[in-house]
Protein backbone atom coordinates (compact mmCIF):
# COMPACT_ATOMS: atom_id res chain seq x y z
CA UNK A 1 -0.79 50.37 27.94
CA UNK A 2 0.77 47.97 30.43
CA UNK A 3 0.01 44.68 32.17
CA UNK A 4 1.32 42.51 34.75
CA UNK A 5 1.27 38.58 35.10
CA UNK A 6 2.91 35.83 36.93
CA UNK A 7 3.79 33.97 33.86
CA UNK A 8 3.98 34.84 30.04
CA UNK A 9 4.10 32.32 27.29
CA UNK A 10 5.01 33.16 23.70
CA UNK A 11 3.74 30.67 21.20
CA UNK A 12 0.64 28.56 21.55
CA UNK A 13 2.11 25.18 19.85
CA UNK A 14 2.18 21.64 21.50
CA UNK A 15 5.01 23.30 24.16
CA UNK A 16 3.46 26.52 24.82
CA UNK A 17 -0.17 25.92 25.19
CA UNK A 18 0.62 22.84 27.24
CA UNK A 19 2.68 24.95 29.55
CA UNK A 20 0.02 27.60 29.68
CA UNK A 21 -2.78 24.95 30.42
CA UNK A 22 -0.75 23.29 33.02
CA UNK A 23 0.18 26.50 34.99
CA UNK A 24 -3.58 27.56 34.71
CA UNK A 25 -4.51 24.28 36.27
CA UNK A 26 -2.11 24.99 39.15
CA UNK A 27 -3.71 28.35 39.87
CA UNK A 28 -1.28 30.64 38.35
CA UNK A 29 -1.91 33.85 36.36
CA UNK A 30 -0.97 33.16 32.75
CA UNK A 31 -1.00 35.18 29.56
CA UNK A 32 -0.50 33.27 26.08
CA UNK A 33 0.58 35.38 23.23
CA UNK A 34 0.27 33.70 19.55
CA UNK A 35 0.77 35.54 16.38
CA UNK A 36 -1.18 32.91 14.25
CA UNK A 37 -3.49 30.25 15.58
CA UNK A 38 -3.53 28.18 18.57
CA UNK A 39 -2.26 24.58 18.22
CA UNK A 40 0.95 25.79 16.35
CA UNK A 41 2.41 23.85 13.45
CA UNK A 42 1.37 20.41 14.78
CA UNK A 43 -2.23 21.18 15.01
CA UNK A 44 -2.75 23.49 12.18
CA UNK A 45 -0.32 22.44 9.44
CA UNK A 46 1.60 19.43 10.53
CA UNK A 47 0.80 16.42 12.79
CA UNK A 48 -3.04 16.61 12.64
CA UNK A 49 -3.67 17.36 9.15
CA UNK A 50 -1.11 14.88 7.94
CA UNK A 51 -2.53 11.92 10.05
CA UNK A 52 -6.01 12.93 9.05
CA UNK A 53 -5.00 12.70 5.38
CA UNK A 54 -3.14 9.49 6.16
CA UNK A 55 -6.31 7.95 7.67
CA UNK A 56 -8.63 8.99 4.87
CA UNK A 57 -6.51 7.49 2.37
CA UNK A 58 -5.56 4.35 3.96
CA UNK A 59 -8.32 2.16 2.10
CA UNK A 60 -6.58 3.45 -0.93
CA UNK A 61 -3.12 2.23 0.20
CA UNK A 62 -4.74 -1.25 0.99
CA UNK A 63 -6.48 -2.02 -2.46
CA UNK A 64 -4.06 -4.66 -3.36
CA UNK A 65 -4.67 -6.51 0.03
CA UNK A 66 -8.39 -6.19 -0.25
CA UNK A 67 -8.46 -7.13 -3.87
CA UNK A 68 -6.78 -10.29 -2.62
CA UNK A 69 -9.53 -10.86 -0.21
CA UNK A 70 -12.13 -10.55 -3.05
CA UNK A 71 -12.96 -6.79 -2.23
CA UNK A 72 -12.60 -4.18 -4.60
CA UNK A 73 -12.16 -0.32 -3.71
CA UNK A 74 -12.69 2.08 -6.40
CA UNK A 75 -10.19 5.06 -6.32
CA UNK A 76 -12.47 7.99 -6.55
CA UNK A 77 -11.41 10.87 -4.42
CA UNK A 78 -13.53 14.07 -3.93
CA UNK A 79 -10.83 16.37 -3.23
CA UNK A 80 -12.82 19.47 -2.14
CA UNK A 81 -14.53 17.53 0.30
CA UNK A 82 -11.62 15.69 1.51
CA UNK A 83 -10.06 19.28 1.97
CA UNK A 84 -13.05 20.55 3.97
CA UNK A 85 -13.09 17.30 6.15
CA UNK A 86 -9.48 17.87 7.04
CA UNK A 87 -9.97 21.42 7.93
CA UNK A 88 -12.93 20.33 10.09
CA UNK A 89 -10.93 18.03 12.06
CA UNK A 90 -8.13 20.82 12.62
CA UNK A 91 -10.89 23.36 13.77
CA UNK A 92 -12.64 20.95 15.94
CA UNK A 93 -9.30 20.32 17.79
CA UNK A 94 -8.06 24.01 17.81
CA UNK A 95 -11.56 24.99 19.34
CA UNK A 96 -11.05 22.30 21.95
CA UNK A 97 -7.83 23.71 23.01
CA UNK A 98 -9.10 26.94 23.28
CA UNK A 99 -11.87 25.96 25.63
CA UNK A 100 -9.42 24.02 27.76
CA UNK A 101 -7.20 27.16 28.11
CA UNK A 102 -10.33 29.17 28.88
CA UNK A 103 -11.43 26.92 31.38
CA UNK A 104 -8.17 27.05 33.37
CA UNK A 105 -8.23 31.01 33.29
CA UNK A 106 -5.46 31.44 30.35
CA UNK A 107 -5.72 34.69 28.67
CA UNK A 108 -4.93 34.48 24.92
CA UNK A 109 -3.64 37.38 23.24
CA UNK A 110 -3.18 37.39 19.33
CA UNK A 111 -0.12 39.41 18.28
CA UNK A 112 3.58 39.62 17.70
CA UNK A 113 5.72 39.40 20.83
CA UNK A 114 8.97 40.72 21.46
CA UNK A 115 11.13 40.84 24.29
CA UNK A 116 12.24 44.00 25.81
CA UNK A 117 14.24 42.87 28.64
CA UNK A 118 14.25 40.29 31.48
CA UNK A 119 10.48 39.61 32.11
CA UNK A 120 9.50 42.25 29.78
CA UNK A 121 7.40 41.85 26.62
CA UNK A 122 6.05 44.18 23.98
CA UNK A 123 3.08 42.81 21.99
CA UNK A 124 1.87 44.47 18.64
CA UNK A 125 -1.72 43.65 17.84
CA UNK A 126 -4.20 45.65 15.38
CA UNK A 127 -1.59 48.34 15.30
CA UNK A 128 -1.80 48.79 19.04
CA UNK A 129 1.36 48.15 21.28
CA UNK A 130 0.90 46.19 24.66
CA UNK A 131 3.53 46.07 27.37
CA UNK A 132 3.50 43.08 29.59
CA UNK A 133 5.79 42.40 32.70
CA UNK A 134 6.07 38.76 34.01
CA UNK A 135 8.09 36.69 36.61
CA UNK A 136 8.92 34.41 33.98
CA UNK A 137 8.57 34.46 30.28
CA UNK A 138 8.57 31.05 28.36
CA UNK A 139 9.76 31.00 24.66
CA UNK A 140 7.93 28.28 22.78
CA UNK A 141 7.81 29.70 19.07
CA UNK A 142 8.55 26.33 17.48
CA UNK A 143 10.00 25.84 14.19
CA UNK A 144 9.78 26.52 10.24
CA UNK A 145 10.38 24.32 7.11
CA UNK A 146 13.87 24.74 5.66
CA UNK A 147 14.01 26.18 2.17
CA UNK A 148 16.68 25.33 -0.34
CA UNK A 149 18.64 27.81 -2.54
CA UNK A 150 17.01 27.94 -5.87
CA UNK A 151 13.98 26.32 -4.59
CA UNK A 152 11.99 29.28 -2.54
CA UNK A 153 8.34 28.26 -1.63
CA UNK A 154 5.76 29.63 -4.06
CA UNK A 155 2.82 27.48 -3.21
CA UNK A 156 2.28 26.65 -6.64
CA UNK A 157 5.17 24.75 -8.33
CA UNK A 158 7.47 24.73 -5.08
CA UNK A 159 5.47 23.52 -2.15
CA UNK A 160 6.34 23.58 1.54
CA UNK A 161 4.71 20.91 3.68
CA UNK A 162 2.08 23.50 4.71
CA UNK A 163 1.19 24.07 0.98
CA UNK A 164 0.94 20.35 0.49
CA UNK A 165 -1.39 19.92 3.18
CA UNK A 166 -3.69 22.41 2.15
CA UNK A 167 -4.44 19.98 -0.72
CA UNK A 168 -4.24 22.61 -3.66
CA UNK A 169 -4.26 19.79 -6.11
CA UNK A 170 -3.30 16.26 -7.03
CA UNK A 171 -0.48 16.68 -9.28
CA UNK A 172 0.03 14.20 -12.12
CA UNK A 173 3.76 14.06 -11.20
CA UNK A 174 5.12 15.14 -7.73
CA UNK A 175 8.76 15.06 -6.90
CA UNK A 176 9.40 14.98 -3.17
CA UNK A 177 12.80 16.54 -2.21
CA UNK A 178 13.76 14.90 0.97
CA UNK A 179 13.61 11.40 2.27
CA UNK A 180 13.10 11.93 5.76
CA UNK A 181 9.83 11.64 7.98
CA UNK A 182 7.78 14.44 6.61
CA UNK A 183 8.73 13.83 2.72
CA UNK A 184 8.00 10.05 3.13
CA UNK A 185 4.48 10.56 5.06
CA UNK A 186 3.33 13.15 2.21
CA UNK A 187 4.85 10.91 -0.62
CA UNK A 188 2.47 8.24 0.83
CA UNK A 189 -0.52 10.12 1.10
CA UNK A 190 -0.20 11.77 -2.47
CA UNK A 191 0.61 8.31 -4.00
CA UNK A 192 -2.75 7.14 -2.52
CA UNK A 193 -4.38 10.05 -4.14
CA UNK A 194 -3.29 9.34 -7.43
CA UNK A 195 0.06 11.20 -8.02
CA UNK A 196 3.30 9.75 -9.60
CA UNK A 197 5.73 10.31 -6.93
CA UNK A 198 9.43 10.49 -7.07
CA UNK A 199 11.50 10.91 -3.66
CA UNK A 200 14.92 12.53 -4.06
CA UNK A 201 17.16 12.16 -1.24
CA UNK A 202 20.81 13.50 -1.05
CA UNK A 203 22.05 10.92 1.22
CA UNK A 204 22.53 7.27 0.66
CA UNK A 205 19.57 6.00 2.81
CA UNK A 206 16.00 7.00 3.73
CA UNK A 207 15.11 8.46 7.04
CA UNK A 208 18.83 9.88 7.61
CA UNK A 209 19.32 10.55 11.24
CA UNK A 210 16.85 7.85 12.37
CA UNK A 211 17.91 4.81 14.00
CA UNK A 212 16.06 2.24 11.81
CA UNK A 213 17.91 -0.79 11.37
CA UNK A 214 19.03 -2.07 7.74
CA UNK A 215 16.68 -4.64 7.79
CA UNK A 216 13.86 -2.24 8.68
CA UNK A 217 14.98 0.11 6.15
CA UNK A 218 14.84 -2.52 3.38
CA UNK A 219 11.26 -3.44 4.31
CA UNK A 220 10.33 0.17 4.14
CA UNK A 221 12.10 0.68 0.77
CA UNK A 222 10.32 -2.42 -0.46
CA UNK A 223 7.05 -1.43 0.40
CA UNK A 224 7.47 1.99 -0.73
CA UNK A 225 8.71 0.92 -4.54
CA UNK A 226 5.66 -1.76 -4.44
CA UNK A 227 3.35 1.25 -3.84
CA UNK A 228 4.76 2.96 -7.07
CA UNK A 229 6.96 5.49 -5.27
CA UNK A 230 10.31 6.00 -7.14
CA UNK A 231 13.32 6.66 -4.76
CA UNK A 232 16.52 8.34 -5.87
CA UNK A 233 19.31 8.02 -3.34
CA UNK A 234 22.51 10.20 -3.48
CA UNK A 235 20.60 12.65 -5.37
CA UNK A 236 20.48 16.34 -4.85
CA UNK A 237 18.09 18.99 -6.08
CA UNK A 238 19.88 21.73 -7.84
CA UNK A 239 16.93 24.01 -9.03
CA UNK A 240 13.65 24.38 -11.05
CA UNK A 241 13.54 23.99 -14.81
CA UNK A 242 10.80 24.91 -17.08
CA UNK A 243 9.28 21.48 -17.04
CA UNK A 244 10.41 19.95 -13.74
CA UNK A 245 13.26 19.81 -11.15
CA UNK A 246 17.02 19.53 -12.09
CA UNK A 247 18.91 16.90 -9.87
CA UNK A 248 22.60 15.79 -9.57
CA UNK A 249 23.66 12.31 -8.64
CA UNK A 250 27.01 10.55 -9.14
CA UNK A 251 25.69 9.53 -12.74
CA UNK A 252 25.55 13.26 -13.48
CA UNK A 253 22.46 15.77 -13.88
CA UNK A 254 18.94 14.86 -15.22
CA UNK A 255 15.78 16.52 -14.96
CA UNK A 256 12.75 15.03 -13.37
CA UNK A 257 9.46 16.24 -14.96
CA UNK A 258 6.78 17.22 -12.53
CA UNK A 259 3.78 19.36 -12.09
CA UNK A 260 4.73 20.35 -8.36
CA UNK A 261 7.78 19.67 -6.18
CA UNK A 262 7.62 19.34 -2.41
CA UNK A 263 10.74 20.45 -0.45
CA UNK A 264 10.74 18.46 2.85
CA UNK A 265 14.32 18.57 3.96
CA UNK A 266 13.79 19.32 7.46
CA UNK A 267 12.82 22.19 9.91
CA UNK A 268 14.70 24.57 12.00
CA UNK A 269 13.90 26.53 15.16
CA UNK A 270 11.87 29.91 14.66
CA UNK A 271 13.19 32.69 17.23
CA UNK A 272 12.29 35.22 14.31
CA UNK A 273 11.33 38.76 15.74
CA UNK A 274 11.79 37.55 19.35
CA UNK A 275 14.34 40.12 20.21
CA UNK A 276 16.70 37.79 21.86
CA UNK A 277 19.48 40.36 21.70
CA UNK A 278 17.62 42.65 24.32
CA UNK A 279 18.19 39.88 26.95
CA UNK A 280 21.98 38.77 25.80
CA UNK A 281 20.58 35.36 24.26
CA UNK A 282 22.59 34.41 21.19
CA UNK A 283 21.04 31.36 19.20
CA UNK A 284 23.27 28.88 17.56
CA UNK A 285 21.66 27.93 14.10
CA UNK A 286 18.08 29.25 15.64
CA UNK A 287 18.65 27.09 18.67
CA UNK A 288 18.38 28.47 22.23
CA UNK A 289 20.83 26.79 24.73
CA UNK A 290 19.01 26.20 28.21
CA UNK A 291 20.08 24.74 31.63
CA UNK A 292 18.32 21.45 32.63
CA UNK A 293 15.45 23.14 34.27
CA UNK A 294 14.94 25.10 30.67
CA UNK A 295 16.23 28.52 31.84
CA UNK A 296 17.85 30.51 28.90
CA UNK A 297 18.55 33.72 30.85
CA UNK A 298 17.07 35.82 33.72
CA UNK A 299 13.39 35.26 33.82
CA UNK A 300 13.61 33.64 30.29
CA UNK A 301 12.89 30.02 29.50
CA UNK A 302 12.66 27.91 26.25
CA UNK A 303 10.85 24.63 25.61
CA UNK A 304 9.91 22.67 22.45
CA UNK A 305 11.82 22.86 19.16
CA UNK A 306 13.57 26.20 20.20
CA UNK A 307 15.52 24.46 22.64
CA UNK A 308 16.87 21.53 20.41
CA UNK A 309 16.71 17.80 20.42
CA UNK A 310 14.45 16.05 18.25
CA UNK A 311 11.84 18.02 16.90
CA UNK A 312 8.57 16.13 17.96
CA UNK A 313 5.26 17.54 19.36
CA UNK A 314 5.29 14.94 22.21
CA UNK A 315 8.68 16.02 23.25
CA UNK A 316 7.71 19.64 23.33
CA UNK A 317 4.42 19.02 25.12
CA UNK A 318 6.23 16.93 27.86
CA UNK A 319 8.79 20.02 28.30
CA UNK A 320 5.69 22.27 28.65
CA UNK A 321 4.38 20.15 31.48
CA UNK A 322 7.70 19.80 33.07
CA UNK A 323 8.48 23.53 33.04
CA UNK A 324 5.09 24.41 34.25
CA UNK A 325 5.34 22.30 37.31
CA UNK A 326 8.86 23.66 37.93
CA UNK A 327 7.92 27.15 37.75
CA UNK A 328 4.89 26.45 40.10
CA UNK A 329 6.92 24.77 42.77
CA UNK A 330 5.32 21.36 42.08
CA UNK A 331 8.62 19.87 41.05
CA UNK A 332 11.87 20.66 42.71
CA UNK A 333 13.85 19.40 39.72
CA UNK A 334 13.65 17.91 36.28
CA UNK A 335 13.39 14.14 36.24
CA UNK A 336 16.10 12.09 34.85
CA UNK A 337 16.39 10.95 31.35
CA UNK A 338 13.30 10.36 29.69
CA UNK A 339 12.48 7.84 26.73
CA UNK A 340 11.29 9.20 23.61
CA UNK A 341 9.27 7.12 21.10
CA UNK A 342 8.79 8.16 17.57
CA UNK A 343 6.22 7.33 15.13
CA UNK A 344 6.35 7.55 11.14
CA UNK A 345 3.29 7.31 9.32
CA UNK A 346 4.39 5.66 6.16
CA UNK A 347 3.13 2.29 4.75
CA UNK A 348 4.12 0.40 6.70
CA UNK A 349 4.30 2.46 9.75
CA UNK A 350 7.55 2.59 11.67
CA UNK A 351 7.89 2.97 15.50
CA UNK A 352 11.39 3.54 17.36
CA UNK A 353 12.02 3.93 20.90
CA UNK A 354 15.40 3.72 22.91
CA UNK A 355 18.65 2.56 21.44
CA UNK A 356 19.08 0.70 18.16
CA UNK A 357 21.26 -2.09 17.96
CA UNK A 358 24.18 -0.33 16.38
CA UNK A 359 23.64 2.54 19.22
CA UNK A 360 23.55 0.05 21.92
CA UNK A 361 26.87 -1.62 20.80
CA UNK A 362 28.48 1.59 20.28
CA UNK A 363 27.62 2.45 23.76
CA UNK A 364 29.40 -0.62 24.96
CA UNK A 365 26.37 -2.94 25.88
CA UNK A 366 26.47 -6.60 25.21
CA UNK A 367 23.22 -7.09 23.53
CA UNK A 368 20.60 -9.79 22.53
CA UNK A 369 18.35 -9.17 19.87
CA UNK A 370 14.85 -10.78 19.39
CA UNK A 371 12.98 -10.46 16.29
CA UNK A 372 9.65 -11.73 15.28
CA UNK A 373 8.29 -11.43 11.52
CA UNK A 374 4.92 -9.71 11.06
CA UNK A 375 4.08 -12.57 8.55
CA UNK A 376 4.11 -15.06 11.46
CA UNK A 377 1.50 -13.06 13.30
CA UNK A 378 -2.17 -14.47 13.22
CA UNK A 379 -4.04 -10.94 13.24
CA UNK A 380 -1.66 -9.56 10.70
CA UNK A 381 -2.32 -12.15 8.24
CA UNK A 382 -5.90 -11.92 9.03
CA UNK A 383 -5.95 -8.26 7.83
CA UNK A 384 -3.80 -9.19 4.89
CA UNK A 385 -0.46 -7.58 6.11
CA UNK A 386 2.76 -9.53 6.08
CA UNK A 387 5.66 -7.11 5.53
CA UNK A 388 7.26 -5.82 8.69
CA UNK A 389 8.83 -7.15 12.09
CA UNK A 390 9.12 -6.45 15.83
CA UNK A 391 12.74 -6.23 17.09
CA UNK A 392 13.83 -5.86 20.72
CA UNK A 393 17.10 -4.93 21.69
CA UNK A 394 18.21 -6.06 25.45
CA UNK A 395 21.29 -6.08 27.71
CA UNK A 396 22.53 -9.31 27.56
CA UNK A 397 23.30 -9.54 31.28
CA UNK A 398 20.01 -8.28 32.96
CA UNK A 399 17.78 -8.80 29.96
CA UNK A 400 16.93 -5.21 30.55
CA UNK A 401 15.04 -3.65 27.44
CA UNK A 402 17.32 -1.07 25.67
CA UNK A 403 15.54 -0.25 22.52
CA UNK A 404 12.58 -1.55 20.27
CA UNK A 405 11.92 -1.32 16.50
CA UNK A 406 8.34 -1.97 15.03
CA UNK A 407 7.74 -1.77 11.28
CA UNK A 408 4.24 -2.74 10.16
CA UNK A 409 0.54 -1.80 10.64
CA UNK A 410 -0.35 0.30 14.18
CA UNK A 411 3.35 0.56 14.77
CA UNK A 412 2.63 4.29 15.77
CA UNK A 413 0.24 2.88 18.55
CA UNK A 414 2.18 -0.35 19.42
CA UNK A 415 5.50 1.58 20.35
CA UNK A 416 3.88 3.07 23.54
CA UNK A 417 3.95 -0.47 25.15
CA UNK A 418 7.67 -0.64 24.21
CA UNK A 419 8.41 2.89 25.55
CA UNK A 420 6.62 1.96 28.94
CA UNK A 421 8.72 -1.05 29.16
CA UNK A 422 11.97 0.62 28.52
CA UNK A 423 10.80 3.85 30.89
CA UNK A 424 9.99 1.18 33.65
CA UNK A 425 13.16 -0.82 33.29
CA UNK A 426 11.37 -4.08 32.38
CA UNK A 427 13.33 -7.12 31.40
CA UNK A 428 12.82 -9.50 28.66
CA UNK A 429 11.58 -12.14 31.13
CA UNK A 430 8.87 -9.51 32.44
CA UNK A 431 7.80 -8.64 28.87
CA UNK A 432 7.44 -12.68 28.20
CA UNK A 433 5.50 -12.84 31.43
CA UNK A 434 2.94 -10.49 30.30
CA UNK A 435 -0.23 -11.94 28.97
CA UNK A 436 -1.12 -10.44 25.73
CA UNK A 437 -4.56 -10.84 24.13
CA UNK A 438 -4.86 -13.07 21.20
CA UNK A 439 -5.27 -12.22 18.34
CA UNK A 440 -3.85 -8.90 18.31
CA UNK A 441 -0.78 -6.98 16.85
CA UNK A 442 0.91 -6.36 20.52
CA UNK A 443 1.49 -10.10 20.65
CA UNK A 444 4.51 -9.38 18.31
CA UNK A 445 6.26 -7.77 21.00
CA UNK A 446 5.54 -10.69 23.38
CA UNK A 447 6.80 -13.05 20.57
CA UNK A 448 10.05 -10.79 19.95
CA UNK A 449 10.59 -11.21 23.82
CA UNK A 450 10.40 -14.94 23.67
CA UNK A 451 12.74 -15.13 20.72
CA UNK A 452 15.18 -12.98 22.48
CA UNK A 453 15.21 -15.52 25.29
CA UNK A 454 16.10 -18.26 23.01
CA UNK A 455 12.49 -19.95 23.10
CA UNK A 456 10.67 -18.62 20.26
CA UNK A 457 7.17 -19.66 20.06
CA UNK A 458 5.44 -19.21 16.56
CA UNK A 459 8.58 -18.58 14.57
CA UNK A 460 11.68 -20.62 13.65
CA UNK A 461 15.01 -19.64 15.20
């Protein structure tokens, strides 16, 4: 059985479904093949369920601040109800994506896709094999959690992030192996739910590979410890024991008792079963090399986590949009370098975009730095929040924004203004001349711009 189409997309995650949707909007014939569920890791077992749990448990994380206001929150959690609510959020969004794809004429085929040559794909579904021929095949199969030797995922004692998000139980003692974004976000959620949480990180700092400043890291570490999360740096997981996790540090080996351990040491691209050898593509550590226009081979394109760079859903979606418009002839070339913000849902939240102070200096810029403490912001104090800061890095000569770091409540939302400012090439003066509503959290960016210009308003020099 054979079928011909204009474009075929393999993988219906943030990269693939967005590419398919945009191609459909542009009147193209699109087939989207997905072996699991539309929405990929992000929607089904990553970004969305994590943030749903983060939001649902937020009042538990604010109990201390609320008690200071005279409000007492009882720490009672109906786990089955919370689990069902989270699943409902995911299901609602997944059905919405499916309706959007259907509305633009995208045909969704559930099955395992394997390349059979340039522009040729075989899809196995329900013991039936379907042959497809397309002008262009887009690979967007995303990434998978990294397993550690001696700690294979079993869903019972050794969890992946997917297992943790399924809320199988709230363990009395949970060890999180990995102090990166995923590990710290889930550590925050499970601590709020009542687990005693220990984070084990083999490097000497939290969030390795992410340009959070020393000041920002200190604030984050202080807050995590205040919440009752124990942090062990320079400590590597060695393997399971009968009663817990065996770890090794400069002080020697020790056993950390626990009911469950979450291995969150990162993700790697997942080209499993794609048949890349049939089109002469040899991935490096799973990543597929592409040209600037996302082309990986004759009639073959790759986007999202497969292509490399930061493994972020919003990066993947943007690449899906760009590729769709390139393939449809709406764009003649990819745009120049784009600004990529990052949001980390810990307590406090972290928002980053552009260059850190260290990166800017290493790149040869003479920089000026403006900081404003969260504790000096009226809206923050009105909400019982004081730990955090706003930090702007700008080119000293022209005052052009180079990077922004926000540590504090709503940083995941606030970073969007900073990203727009950097993408648009705004200067400190232009930021300072922009009126911000009072009392609001975005005023912190305005205050940091004033501080960088040497005229701080609500903070001392």
